[in-house]
């Protein structure tokens, strides 16, 4: 898929999702970028701001399968991955896939399930496969895990470990809509939920083609070094107890490629890296003060201090 066609595919998805999501444009565009970059997404926000609707709309827009997992304290790993059952007629075991077998998997309130169950998502998120009873099962493609969590309510929750957070390419807050957008939400649902009329604008195969196009977007060595320097700087930044991992450098660069493609460019600019640095890095660092706001502030500080490569090549 050429750059122009991939950019149009991205725009069709964003415009389609906006038919059901009023306001929160940044969250909609970030979700689409994450999908095209073949990453996973963490949505942070209080209940009722449209996180689940966003995930459903994204799945519908690409003509993909969708599953929703409600995380609870009694949820078991096998409830996610599936189990092997003995078939008496066949005289052998048969694998019954769990809800992680879908193109778009929503894990609602992921921090309400214990670490053991959270860990069952690590293999699907990173390797796009599930291993049960020693047998490996490939997951559908394209594949994206979208998890939600309430950053305010902490009663009865299990904080995500750093290794789990590192599997999310991007994290974006989903806030309250402005009064005009809130009124639009109410009007859209007076007769029925707009999700009921939403139709696919892409096929899953087209998403895979767009993901291949993203990987082909040119990025100059100077821009790569800039992304790596930002990540490296998190490890010695003031008020940061744990910096970002090398995996975050890959995620930041890949998402920057997706942003360049979304804007119909065949090359990445330093501005692409800067625009996504907070979304790609803030959830990966641990600050001494704690909290998402402090982490975002730390990344913003680095963006103001790490030199930008002004003479990076813009074309091949």
C-alpha atoms as a PDB file:
ATOM      1  CA  UNK A   1       0.000   0.000   0.000  1.00  0.00           C
ATOM      2  CA  UNK A   2       1.379   3.398  -0.997  1.00  0.00           C
ATOM      3  CA  UNK A   3       1.726   6.267   1.464  1.00  0.00           C
ATOM      4  CA  UNK A   4      -1.254   8.174   0.075  1.00  0.00           C
ATOM      5  CA  UNK A   5      -3.552   5.160   0.191  1.00  0.00           C
ATOM      6  CA  UNK A   6      -2.436   4.283   3.722  1.00  0.00           C
ATOM      7  CA  UNK A   7      -2.990   7.864   4.855  1.00  0.00           C
ATOM      8  CA  UNK A   8      -6.500   7.797   3.403  1.00  0.00           C
ATOM      9  CA  UNK A   9      -7.178   4.507   5.188  1.00  0.00           C
ATOM     10  CA  UNK A  10      -6.112   6.070   8.475  1.00  0.00           C
ATOM     11  CA  UNK A  11      -8.321   9.101   7.880  1.00  0.00           C
ATOM     12  CA  UNK A  12     -11.337   6.927   7.037  1.00  0.00           C
ATOM     13  CA  UNK A  13     -10.964   5.058  10.318  1.00  0.00           C
ATOM     14  CA  UNK A  14     -10.605   8.256  12.343  1.00  0.00           C
ATOM     15  CA  UNK A  15     -13.586   9.925  10.669  1.00  0.00           C
ATOM     16  CA  UNK A  16     -15.714   6.820  11.145  1.00  0.00           C
ATOM     17  CA  UNK A  17     -14.909   6.509  14.850  1.00  0.00           C
ATOM     18  CA  UNK A  18     -15.721  10.187  15.320  1.00  0.00           C
ATOM     19  CA  UNK A  19     -19.265   9.404  14.220  1.00  0.00           C
ATOM     20  CA  UNK A  20     -19.794   7.833  17.651  1.00  0.00           C
ATOM     21  CA  UNK A  21     -17.167   9.645  19.747  1.00  0.00           C
ATOM     22  CA  UNK A  22     -17.808  13.364  20.287  1.00  0.00           C
ATOM     23  CA  UNK A  23     -14.785  15.270  21.568  1.00  0.00           C
ATOM     24  CA  UNK A  24     -11.615  13.467  22.705  1.00  0.00           C
ATOM     25  CA  UNK A  25     -10.149  13.809  19.223  1.00  0.00           C
ATOM     26  CA  UNK A  26      -6.655  13.117  20.551  1.00  0.00           C
ATOM     27  CA  UNK A  27      -7.790   9.770  21.949  1.00  0.00           C
ATOM     28  CA  UNK A  28      -9.435   8.786  18.657  1.00  0.00           C
ATOM     29  CA  UNK A  29      -6.375   9.663  16.588  1.00  0.00           C
ATOM     30  CA  UNK A  30      -4.010   8.005  19.057  1.00  0.00           C
ATOM     31  CA  UNK A  31      -6.060   4.801  18.956  1.00  0.00           C
ATOM     32  CA  UNK A  32      -5.907   4.730  15.149  1.00  0.00           C
ATOM     33  CA  UNK A  33      -2.156   5.450  15.183  1.00  0.00           C
ATOM     34  CA  UNK A  34      -1.611   2.618  17.658  1.00  0.00           C
ATOM     35  CA  UNK A  35      -3.532   0.214  15.425  1.00  0.00           C
ATOM     36  CA  UNK A  36      -1.572   1.202  12.308  1.00  0.00           C
ATOM     37  CA  UNK A  37       1.693   0.945  14.257  1.00  0.00           C
ATOM     38  CA  UNK A  38       0.759  -2.610  15.359  1.00  0.00           C
ATOM     39  CA  UNK A  39       0.853  -1.672  19.031  1.00  0.00           C
ATOM     40  CA  UNK A  40      -1.332  -1.966  22.117  1.00  0.00           C
ATOM     41  CA  UNK A  41      -3.186   0.915  23.756  1.00  0.00           C
ATOM     42  CA  UNK A  42      -3.905   1.926  27.349  1.00  0.00           C
ATOM     43  CA  UNK A  43      -6.872   4.261  27.894  1.00  0.00           C
ATOM     44  CA  UNK A  44      -6.990   6.090  31.210  1.00  0.00           C
ATOM     45  CA  UNK A  45     -10.134   7.827  32.350  1.00  0.00           C
ATOM     46  CA  UNK A  46     -13.071   7.805  34.720  1.00  0.00           C
ATOM     47  CA  UNK A  47     -16.124   5.678  33.879  1.00  0.00           C
ATOM     48  CA  UNK A  48     -18.570   6.865  31.267  1.00  0.00           C
ATOM     49  CA  UNK A  49     -16.280   8.916  29.010  1.00  0.00           C
ATOM     50  CA  UNK A  50     -16.480   6.548  26.026  1.00  0.00           C
ATOM     51  CA  UNK A  51     -13.450   4.265  26.386  1.00  0.00           C
ATOM     52  CA  UNK A  52     -15.404   1.094  25.609  1.00  0.00           C
ATOM     53  CA  UNK A  53     -17.284   2.797  22.785  1.00  0.00           C
ATOM     54  CA  UNK A  54     -13.976   3.893  21.268  1.00  0.00           C
ATOM     55  CA  UNK A  55     -12.664   0.327  21.243  1.00  0.00           C
ATOM     56  CA  UNK A  56     -15.884  -1.053  19.744  1.00  0.00           C
ATOM     57  CA  UNK A  57     -15.958   1.653  17.077  1.00  0.00           C
ATOM     58  CA  UNK A  58     -12.357   0.923  16.118  1.00  0.00           C
ATOM     59  CA  UNK A  59     -13.104  -2.788  15.700  1.00  0.00           C
ATOM     60  CA  UNK A  60     -16.220  -2.096  13.641  1.00  0.00           C
ATOM     61  CA  UNK A  61     -14.374   0.398  11.435  1.00  0.00           C
ATOM     62  CA  UNK A  62     -11.816  -2.206  10.326  1.00  0.00           C
ATOM     63  CA  UNK A  63     -14.351  -5.004   9.872  1.00  0.00           C
ATOM     64  CA  UNK A  64     -12.629  -6.973  12.610  1.00  0.00           C
ATOM     65  CA  UNK A  65     -13.784  -9.222  15.406  1.00  0.00           C
ATOM     66  CA  UNK A  66     -14.192  -7.726  18.873  1.00  0.00           C
ATOM     67  CA  UNK A  67     -14.253  -9.130  22.385  1.00  0.00           C
ATOM     68  CA  UNK A  68     -14.693  -7.388  25.702  1.00  0.00           C
ATOM     69  CA  UNK A  69     -13.175  -8.798  28.872  1.00  0.00           C
ATOM     70  CA  UNK A  70     -14.428  -7.379  32.148  1.00  0.00           C
ATOM     71  CA  UNK A  71     -11.508  -7.650  34.558  1.00  0.00           C
ATOM     72  CA  UNK A  72     -12.535  -8.827  38.027  1.00  0.00           C
ATOM     73  CA  UNK A  73     -10.626 -10.185  41.047  1.00  0.00           C
ATOM     74  CA  UNK A  74     -11.808 -13.760  40.364  1.00  0.00           C
ATOM     75  CA  UNK A  75     -10.785 -13.799  36.694  1.00  0.00           C
ATOM     76  CA  UNK A  76      -8.404 -16.677  35.866  1.00  0.00           C
ATOM     77  CA  UNK A  77      -5.699 -16.785  33.160  1.00  0.00           C
ATOM     78  CA  UNK A  78      -7.596 -19.554  31.371  1.00  0.00           C
ATOM     79  CA  UNK A  79     -10.646 -17.277  31.239  1.00  0.00           C
ATOM     80  CA  UNK A  80      -8.590 -15.133  28.846  1.00  0.00           C
ATOM     81  CA  UNK A  81      -6.483 -17.564  26.859  1.00  0.00           C
ATOM     82  CA  UNK A  82      -8.824 -20.566  26.597  1.00  0.00           C
ATOM     83  CA  UNK A  83      -8.573 -24.190  27.722  1.00  0.00           C
ATOM     84  CA  UNK A  84      -8.079 -27.676  26.353  1.00  0.00           C
ATOM     85  CA  UNK A  85     -11.021 -30.029  26.875  1.00  0.00           C
ATOM     86  CA  UNK A  86     -11.231 -33.767  26.291  1.00  0.00           C
ATOM     87  CA  UNK A  87     -13.500 -34.756  23.406  1.00  0.00           C
ATOM     88  CA  UNK A  88     -14.885 -38.209  24.211  1.00  0.00           C
ATOM     89  CA  UNK A  89     -16.077 -38.778  20.650  1.00  0.00           C
ATOM     90  CA  UNK A  90     -12.698 -37.951  19.107  1.00  0.00           C
ATOM     91  CA  UNK A  91     -10.689 -39.440  21.943  1.00  0.00           C
ATOM     92  CA  UNK A  92      -8.387 -36.406  22.094  1.00  0.00           C
ATOM     93  CA  UNK A  93      -8.086 -32.966  23.595  1.00  0.00           C
ATOM     94  CA  UNK A  94      -9.562 -30.000  21.770  1.00  0.00           C
ATOM     95  CA  UNK A  95      -8.575 -26.377  22.338  1.00  0.00           C
ATOM     96  CA  UNK A  96     -11.356 -23.896  23.064  1.00  0.00           C
ATOM     97  CA  UNK A  97     -10.063 -20.373  22.333  1.00  0.00           C
ATOM     98  CA  UNK A  98     -10.606 -17.674  24.937  1.00  0.00           C
ATOM     99  CA  UNK A  99     -11.668 -14.071  24.379  1.00  0.00           C
ATOM    100  CA  UNK A 100      -8.132 -12.922  23.518  1.00  0.00           C
ATOM    101  CA  UNK A 101      -8.731 -14.462  20.074  1.00  0.00           C
ATOM    102  CA  UNK A 102     -10.109 -11.409  18.277  1.00  0.00           C
ATOM    103  CA  UNK A 103      -8.757  -8.561  16.193  1.00  0.00           C
ATOM    104  CA  UNK A 104      -9.561  -5.974  18.861  1.00  0.00           C
ATOM    105  CA  UNK A 105      -9.528  -7.139  22.476  1.00  0.00           C
ATOM    106  CA  UNK A 106     -10.829  -4.739  25.110  1.00  0.00           C
ATOM    107  CA  UNK A 107      -9.746  -5.464  28.685  1.00  0.00           C
ATOM    108  CA  UNK A 108     -11.981  -3.222  30.755  1.00  0.00           C
ATOM    109  CA  UNK A 109     -10.569  -2.030  34.093  1.00  0.00           C
ATOM    110  CA  UNK A 110      -7.463  -4.166  33.686  1.00  0.00           C
ATOM    111  CA  UNK A 111      -6.171  -3.178  37.119  1.00  0.00           C
ATOM    112  CA  UNK A 112      -9.095  -4.930  38.828  1.00  0.00           C
ATOM    113  CA  UNK A 113      -7.707  -8.388  38.074  1.00  0.00           C
ATOM    114  CA  UNK A 114      -4.766  -9.960  39.983  1.00  0.00           C
ATOM    115  CA  UNK A 115      -1.184  -9.992  38.656  1.00  0.00           C
ATOM    116  CA  UNK A 116      -1.392 -13.675  37.682  1.00  0.00           C
ATOM    117  CA  UNK A 117      -4.257 -12.977  35.296  1.00  0.00           C
ATOM    118  CA  UNK A 118      -2.685  -9.738  34.079  1.00  0.00           C
ATOM    119  CA  UNK A 119       0.420 -11.749  33.183  1.00  0.00           C
ATOM    120  CA  UNK A 120      -1.643 -13.985  30.889  1.00  0.00           C
ATOM    121  CA  UNK A 121      -1.860 -11.002  28.530  1.00  0.00           C
ATOM    122  CA  UNK A 122       1.912 -10.564  28.178  1.00  0.00           C
ATOM    123  CA  UNK A 123       2.383 -13.225  25.495  1.00  0.00           C
ATOM    124  CA  UNK A 124      -0.597 -12.116  23.374  1.00  0.00           C
ATOM    125  CA  UNK A 125       0.426  -8.459  23.593  1.00  0.00           C
ATOM    126  CA  UNK A 126       4.066  -9.016  22.713  1.00  0.00           C
ATOM    127  CA  UNK A 127       4.197 -12.130  20.550  1.00  0.00           C
ATOM    128  CA  UNK A 128       0.671 -12.236  19.095  1.00  0.00           C
ATOM    129  CA  UNK A 129       0.237 -15.842  20.216  1.00  0.00           C
ATOM    130  CA  UNK A 130      -1.039 -17.915  23.126  1.00  0.00           C
ATOM    131  CA  UNK A 131       0.592 -21.024  24.585  1.00  0.00           C
ATOM    132  CA  UNK A 132      -1.715 -23.464  26.386  1.00  0.00           C
ATOM    133  CA  UNK A 133      -0.602 -26.916  27.545  1.00  0.00           C
ATOM    134  CA  UNK A 134       2.622 -26.563  25.604  1.00  0.00           C
ATOM    135  CA  UNK A 135       0.890 -25.817  22.287  1.00  0.00           C
ATOM    136  CA  UNK A 136       1.172 -22.413  20.612  1.00  0.00           C
ATOM    137  CA  UNK A 137      -1.833 -20.840  18.916  1.00  0.00           C
ATOM    138  CA  UNK A 138      -1.485 -17.814  16.668  1.00  0.00           C
ATOM    139  CA  UNK A 139      -3.819 -14.879  17.207  1.00  0.00           C
ATOM    140  CA  UNK A 140      -5.812 -13.144  14.453  1.00  0.00           C
ATOM    141  CA  UNK A 141      -4.140 -10.374  12.472  1.00  0.00           C
ATOM    142  CA  UNK A 142      -4.336  -7.456  12.799  1.00  0.00           C
ATOM    143  CA  UNK A 143      -4.300  -7.650  16.572  1.00  0.00           C
ATOM    144  CA  UNK A 144      -4.509  -4.976  19.252  1.00  0.00           C
ATOM    145  CA  UNK A 145      -5.165  -5.096  22.981  1.00  0.00           C
ATOM    146  CA  UNK A 146      -6.921  -2.002  24.318  1.00  0.00           C
ATOM    147  CA  UNK A 147      -7.001  -1.831  28.106  1.00  0.00           C
ATOM    148  CA  UNK A 148      -8.786   0.695  30.273  1.00  0.00           C
ATOM    149  CA  UNK A 149      -8.194   1.767  33.827  1.00  0.00           C
ATOM    150  CA  UNK A 150      -9.590   4.370  36.177  1.00  0.00           C
ATOM    151  CA  UNK A 151      -6.647   6.473  37.415  1.00  0.00           C
ATOM    152  CA  UNK A 152      -8.685   7.895  40.280  1.00  0.00           C
ATOM    153  CA  UNK A 153     -10.317   4.928  42.016  1.00  0.00           C
ATOM    154  CA  UNK A 154      -7.730   2.635  43.625  1.00  0.00           C
ATOM    155  CA  UNK A 155      -9.896   0.593  46.025  1.00  0.00           C
ATOM    156  CA  UNK A 156      -9.745  -3.103  45.207  1.00  0.00           C
ATOM    157  CA  UNK A 157      -7.255  -2.707  42.356  1.00  0.00           C
ATOM    158  CA  UNK A 158      -3.922  -4.291  41.465  1.00  0.00           C
ATOM    159  CA  UNK A 159      -1.485  -1.746  39.998  1.00  0.00           C
ATOM    160  CA  UNK A 160      -0.032  -2.852  36.677  1.00  0.00           C
ATOM    161  CA  UNK A 161       3.624  -3.892  36.993  1.00  0.00           C
ATOM    162  CA  UNK A 162       6.223  -2.060  34.936  1.00  0.00           C
ATOM    163  CA  UNK A 163       6.659  -5.075  32.629  1.00  0.00           C
ATOM    164  CA  UNK A 164       2.958  -4.985  31.776  1.00  0.00           C
ATOM    165  CA  UNK A 165       2.887  -1.242  31.195  1.00  0.00           C
ATOM    166  CA  UNK A 166       5.888  -1.576  28.896  1.00  0.00           C
ATOM    167  CA  UNK A 167       3.786  -3.698  26.507  1.00  0.00           C
ATOM    168  CA  UNK A 168       1.511  -0.753  25.742  1.00  0.00           C
ATOM    169  CA  UNK A 169       2.884   1.237  22.832  1.00  0.00           C
ATOM    170  CA  UNK A 170       0.841   4.295  23.768  1.00  0.00           C
ATOM    171  CA  UNK A 171      -1.230   5.508  26.691  1.00  0.00           C
ATOM    172  CA  UNK A 172      -3.734   8.318  26.377  1.00  0.00           C
ATOM    173  CA  UNK A 173      -6.077   9.979  28.883  1.00  0.00           C
ATOM    174  CA  UNK A 174      -9.741  10.110  27.937  1.00  0.00           C
ATOM    175  CA  UNK A 175     -11.263  13.109  29.646  1.00  0.00           C
ATOM    176  CA  UNK A 176     -14.686  14.647  30.027  1.00  0.00           C
ATOM    177  CA  UNK A 177     -16.096  16.161  26.824  1.00  0.00           C
ATOM    178  CA  UNK A 178     -16.685  19.887  26.609  1.00  0.00           C
ATOM    179  CA  UNK A 179     -20.336  21.027  27.020  1.00  0.00           C
ATOM    180  CA  UNK A 180     -20.907  21.164  23.269  1.00  0.00           C
ATOM    181  CA  UNK A 181     -19.562  17.650  22.715  1.00  0.00           C
ATOM    182  CA  UNK A 182     -21.507  16.352  25.734  1.00  0.00           C
ATOM    183  CA  UNK A 183     -24.716  17.714  24.239  1.00  0.00           C
ATOM    184  CA  UNK A 184     -23.849  16.035  20.942  1.00  0.00           C
ATOM    185  CA  UNK A 185     -23.402  12.708  22.753  1.00  0.00           C
ATOM    186  CA  UNK A 186     -26.888  13.005  24.246  1.00  0.00           C
ATOM    187  CA  UNK A 187     -28.505  13.930  20.915  1.00  0.00           C
ATOM    188  CA  UNK A 188     -26.842  11.039  19.102  1.00  0.00           C
ATOM    189  CA  UNK A 189     -28.286   8.537  21.577  1.00  0.00           C
ATOM    190  CA  UNK A 190     -31.847   9.866  21.824  1.00  0.00           C
ATOM    191  CA  UNK A 191     -33.203   7.200  19.462  1.00  0.00           C
ATOM    192  CA  UNK A 192     -30.496   4.522  19.538  1.00  0.00           C
ATOM    193  CA  UNK A 193     -26.798   4.124  20.132  1.00  0.00           C
ATOM    194  CA  UNK A 194     -24.824   5.285  17.068  1.00  0.00           C
ATOM    195  CA  UNK A 195     -22.719   2.115  17.238  1.00  0.00           C
ATOM    196  CA  UNK A 196     -25.750   0.286  15.890  1.00  0.00           C
ATOM    197  CA  UNK A 197     -25.466   2.072  12.554  1.00  0.00           C
ATOM    198  CA  UNK A 198     -21.681   2.158  12.273  1.00  0.00           C
ATOM    199  CA  UNK A 199     -20.232   0.214   9.344  1.00  0.00           C
ATOM    200  CA  UNK A 200     -16.777  -0.946   8.362  1.00  0.00           C
ATOM    201  CA  UNK A 201     -14.661   1.379   6.232  1.00  0.00           C
ATOM    202  CA  UNK A 202     -11.676  -0.991   5.928  1.00  0.00           C
ATOM    203  CA  UNK A 203     -11.059  -4.712   5.790  1.00  0.00           C
ATOM    204  CA  UNK A 204      -8.566  -6.406   8.132  1.00  0.00           C
ATOM    205  CA  UNK A 205      -6.280  -7.103   5.168  1.00  0.00           C
ATOM    206  CA  UNK A 206      -6.115  -3.396   4.386  1.00  0.00           C
ATOM    207  CA  UNK A 207      -4.999  -2.708   7.951  1.00  0.00           C
ATOM    208  CA  UNK A 208      -2.184  -5.233   7.521  1.00  0.00           C
ATOM    209  CA  UNK A 209      -1.164  -3.506   4.276  1.00  0.00           C
ATOM    210  CA  UNK A 210      -1.149  -0.149   6.069  1.00  0.00           C
ATOM    211  CA  UNK A 211       0.989  -1.604   8.877  1.00  0.00           C
ATOM    212  CA  UNK A 212       3.487  -2.763   6.269  1.00  0.00           C
ATOM    213  CA  UNK A 213       3.477   0.739   4.784  1.00  0.00           C
ATOM    214  CA  UNK A 214       4.192   2.198   8.229  1.00  0.00           C
ATOM    215  CA  UNK A 215       7.325   0.076   8.555  1.00  0.00           C
ATOM    216  CA  UNK A 216       8.487   1.401   5.204  1.00  0.00           C
ATOM    217  CA  UNK A 217       8.316   5.078   6.221  1.00  0.00           C
ATOM    218  CA  UNK A 218      11.845   6.499   6.114  1.00  0.00           C
ATOM    219  CA  UNK A 219      13.402   7.747   9.346  1.00  0.00           C
ATOM    220  CA  UNK A 220      16.792   9.415   9.372  1.00  0.00           C
ATOM    221  CA  UNK A 221      19.491   8.207  11.751  1.00  0.00           C
ATOM    222  CA  UNK A 222      19.501  11.610  13.430  1.00  0.00           C
ATOM    223  CA  UNK A 223      15.792  11.285  14.253  1.00  0.00           C
ATOM    224  CA  UNK A 224      16.345   7.765  15.587  1.00  0.00           C
ATOM    225  CA  UNK A 225      19.137   9.094  17.813  1.00  0.00           C
ATOM    226  CA  UNK A 226      16.803  11.841  19.024  1.00  0.00           C
ATOM    227  CA  UNK A 227      14.156   9.285  20.025  1.00  0.00           C
ATOM    228  CA  UNK A 228      16.775   7.153  21.785  1.00  0.00           C
ATOM    229  CA  UNK A 229      18.226  10.194  23.576  1.00  0.00           C
ATOM    230  CA  UNK A 230      14.769  11.083  24.888  1.00  0.00           C
ATOM    231  CA  UNK A 231      14.339   7.567  26.228  1.00  0.00           C
ATOM    232  CA  UNK A 232      17.844   7.506  27.693  1.00  0.00           C
ATOM    233  CA  UNK A 233      17.275  10.866  29.391  1.00  0.00           C
ATOM    234  CA  UNK A 234      14.332   9.424  31.354  1.00  0.00           C
ATOM    235  CA  UNK A 235      16.772   7.217  33.277  1.00  0.00           C
ATOM    236  CA  UNK A 236      18.642  10.174  34.801  1.00  0.00           C
ATOM    237  CA  UNK A 237      15.842  12.721  34.923  1.00  0.00           C
ATOM    238  CA  UNK A 238      15.054  14.468  38.216  1.00  0.00           C
ATOM    239  CA  UNK A 239      12.223  12.898  40.207  1.00  0.00           C
ATOM    240  CA  UNK A 240      12.296   9.733  38.043  1.00  0.00           C
ATOM    241  CA  UNK A 241      12.982   6.514  39.959  1.00  0.00           C
ATOM    242  CA  UNK A 242      12.766   4.178  36.947  1.00  0.00           C
ATOM    243  CA  UNK A 243      13.298   5.257  33.348  1.00  0.00           C
ATOM    244  CA  UNK A 244      11.915   3.886  30.111  1.00  0.00           C
ATOM    245  CA  UNK A 245      13.157   0.640  28.561  1.00  0.00           C
ATOM    246  CA  UNK A 246      14.779   0.035  25.157  1.00  0.00           C
ATOM    247  CA  UNK A 247      11.425  -1.386  24.019  1.00  0.00           C
ATOM    248  CA  UNK A 248       9.957   2.085  24.409  1.00  0.00           C
ATOM    249  CA  UNK A 249      12.451   3.443  21.851  1.00  0.00           C
ATOM    250  CA  UNK A 250      11.109   0.972  19.300  1.00  0.00           C
ATOM    251  CA  UNK A 251       7.508   1.868  20.128  1.00  0.00           C
ATOM    252  CA  UNK A 252       8.200   5.606  19.917  1.00  0.00           C
ATOM    253  CA  UNK A 253       9.886   5.282  16.521  1.00  0.00           C
ATOM    254  CA  UNK A 254       7.208   2.968  15.119  1.00  0.00           C
ATOM    255  CA  UNK A 255       4.403   5.278  16.233  1.00  0.00           C
ATOM    256  CA  UNK A 256       6.279   8.260  14.798  1.00  0.00           C
ATOM    257  CA  UNK A 257       6.363   6.407  11.478  1.00  0.00           C
ATOM    258  CA  UNK A 258       2.594   5.908  11.722  1.00  0.00           C
ATOM    259  CA  UNK A 259       2.070   9.611  12.431  1.00  0.00           C
ATOM    260  CA  UNK A 260       4.173  10.593   9.429  1.00  0.00           C
ATOM    261  CA  UNK A 261       2.154   8.266   7.223  1.00  0.00           C
ATOM    262  CA  UNK A 262      -1.106   9.637   8.633  1.00  0.00           C
ATOM    263  CA  UNK A 263       0.011  13.079   7.470  1.00  0.00           C
ATOM    264  CA  UNK A 264       0.873  11.755   3.999  1.00  0.00           C
ATOM    265  CA  UNK A 265       4.631  11.936   4.448  1.00  0.00           C
ATOM    266  CA  UNK A 266       7.094   9.215   3.481  1.00  0.00           C
ATOM    267  CA  UNK A 267       9.607  10.354   6.122  1.00  0.00           C
ATOM    268  CA  UNK A 268       9.587  11.007   9.854  1.00  0.00           C
ATOM    269  CA  UNK A 269      10.257  14.453  11.299  1.00  0.00           C
ATOM    270  CA  UNK A 270      11.505  15.218  14.819  1.00  0.00           C
ATOM    271  CA  UNK A 271       8.074  16.789  15.410  1.00  0.00           C
ATOM    272  CA  UNK A 272       6.505  13.331  15.006  1.00  0.00           C
ATOM    273  CA  UNK A 273       8.677  12.039  17.834  1.00  0.00           C
ATOM    274  CA  UNK A 274       7.938  15.069  20.008  1.00  0.00           C
ATOM    275  CA  UNK A 275       4.190  14.811  19.416  1.00  0.00           C
ATOM    276  CA  UNK A 276       4.070  11.197  20.652  1.00  0.00           C
ATOM    277  CA  UNK A 277       6.755  11.227  23.356  1.00  0.00           C
ATOM    278  CA  UNK A 278       4.349  11.778  26.262  1.00  0.00           C
ATOM    279  CA  UNK A 279       1.911   9.108  25.053  1.00  0.00           C
ATOM    280  CA  UNK A 280       4.734   6.621  24.425  1.00  0.00           C
ATOM    281  CA  UNK A 281       6.873   7.232  27.519  1.00  0.00           C
ATOM    282  CA  UNK A 282       4.888   8.670  30.433  1.00  0.00           C
ATOM    283  CA  UNK A 283       3.251   5.372  31.439  1.00  0.00           C
ATOM    284  CA  UNK A 284       6.648   3.640  31.300  1.00  0.00           C
ATOM    285  CA  UNK A 285       8.462   5.785  33.855  1.00  0.00           C
ATOM    286  CA  UNK A 286       8.116   5.665  37.629  1.00  0.00           C
ATOM    287  CA  UNK A 287       8.426   9.019  39.363  1.00  0.00           C
ATOM    288  CA  UNK A 288       9.301   9.649  42.983  1.00  0.00           C
ATOM    289  CA  UNK A 289       6.143  11.729  43.369  1.00  0.00           C
ATOM    290  CA  UNK A 290       3.967   9.121  41.664  1.00  0.00           C
ATOM    291  CA  UNK A 291       0.905   9.527  39.505  1.00  0.00           C
ATOM    292  CA  UNK A 292       0.336   9.970  35.766  1.00  0.00           C
ATOM    293  CA  UNK A 293       0.457  13.771  35.964  1.00  0.00           C
ATOM    294  CA  UNK A 294       3.974  13.737  37.419  1.00  0.00           C
ATOM    295  CA  UNK A 295       5.138  11.285  34.757  1.00  0.00           C
ATOM    296  CA  UNK A 296       3.732  13.406  31.949  1.00  0.00           C
ATOM    297  CA  UNK A 297       5.356  16.504  33.441  1.00  0.00           C
ATOM    298  CA  UNK A 298       8.712  14.701  33.534  1.00  0.00           C
ATOM    299  CA  UNK A 299       8.505  13.850  29.833  1.00  0.00           C
ATOM    300  CA  UNK A 300       7.428  17.393  28.963  1.00  0.00           C
ATOM    301  CA  UNK A 301      10.501  18.661  30.807  1.00  0.00           C
ATOM    302  CA  UNK A 302      12.745  16.363  28.751  1.00  0.00           C
ATOM    303  CA  UNK A 303      11.149  17.566  25.526  1.00  0.00           C
ATOM    304  CA  UNK A 304      12.152  21.086  26.494  1.00  0.00           C
ATOM    305  CA  UNK A 305      15.741  20.137  27.337  1.00  0.00           C
ATOM    306  CA  UNK A 306      16.875  17.359  24.947  1.00  0.00           C
ATOM    307  CA  UNK A 307      18.259  19.009  21.763  1.00  0.00           C
ATOM    308  CA  UNK A 308      16.240  18.498  18.584  1.00  0.00           C
ATOM    309  CA  UNK A 309      18.165  17.491  15.415  1.00  0.00           C
ATOM    310  CA  UNK A 310      17.466  20.579  13.310  1.00  0.00           C
ATOM    311  CA  UNK A 311      19.381  19.332  10.278  1.00  0.00           C
ATOM    312  CA  UNK A 312      17.973  15.803  10.104  1.00  0.00           C
ATOM    313  CA  UNK A 313      17.440  14.686   6.522  1.00  0.00           C
ATOM    314  CA  UNK A 314      13.796  15.001   5.579  1.00  0.00           C
ATOM    315  CA  UNK A 315      13.919  12.697   2.570  1.00  0.00           C
ATOM    316  CA  UNK A 316      15.722   9.646   1.331  1.00  0.00           C
END
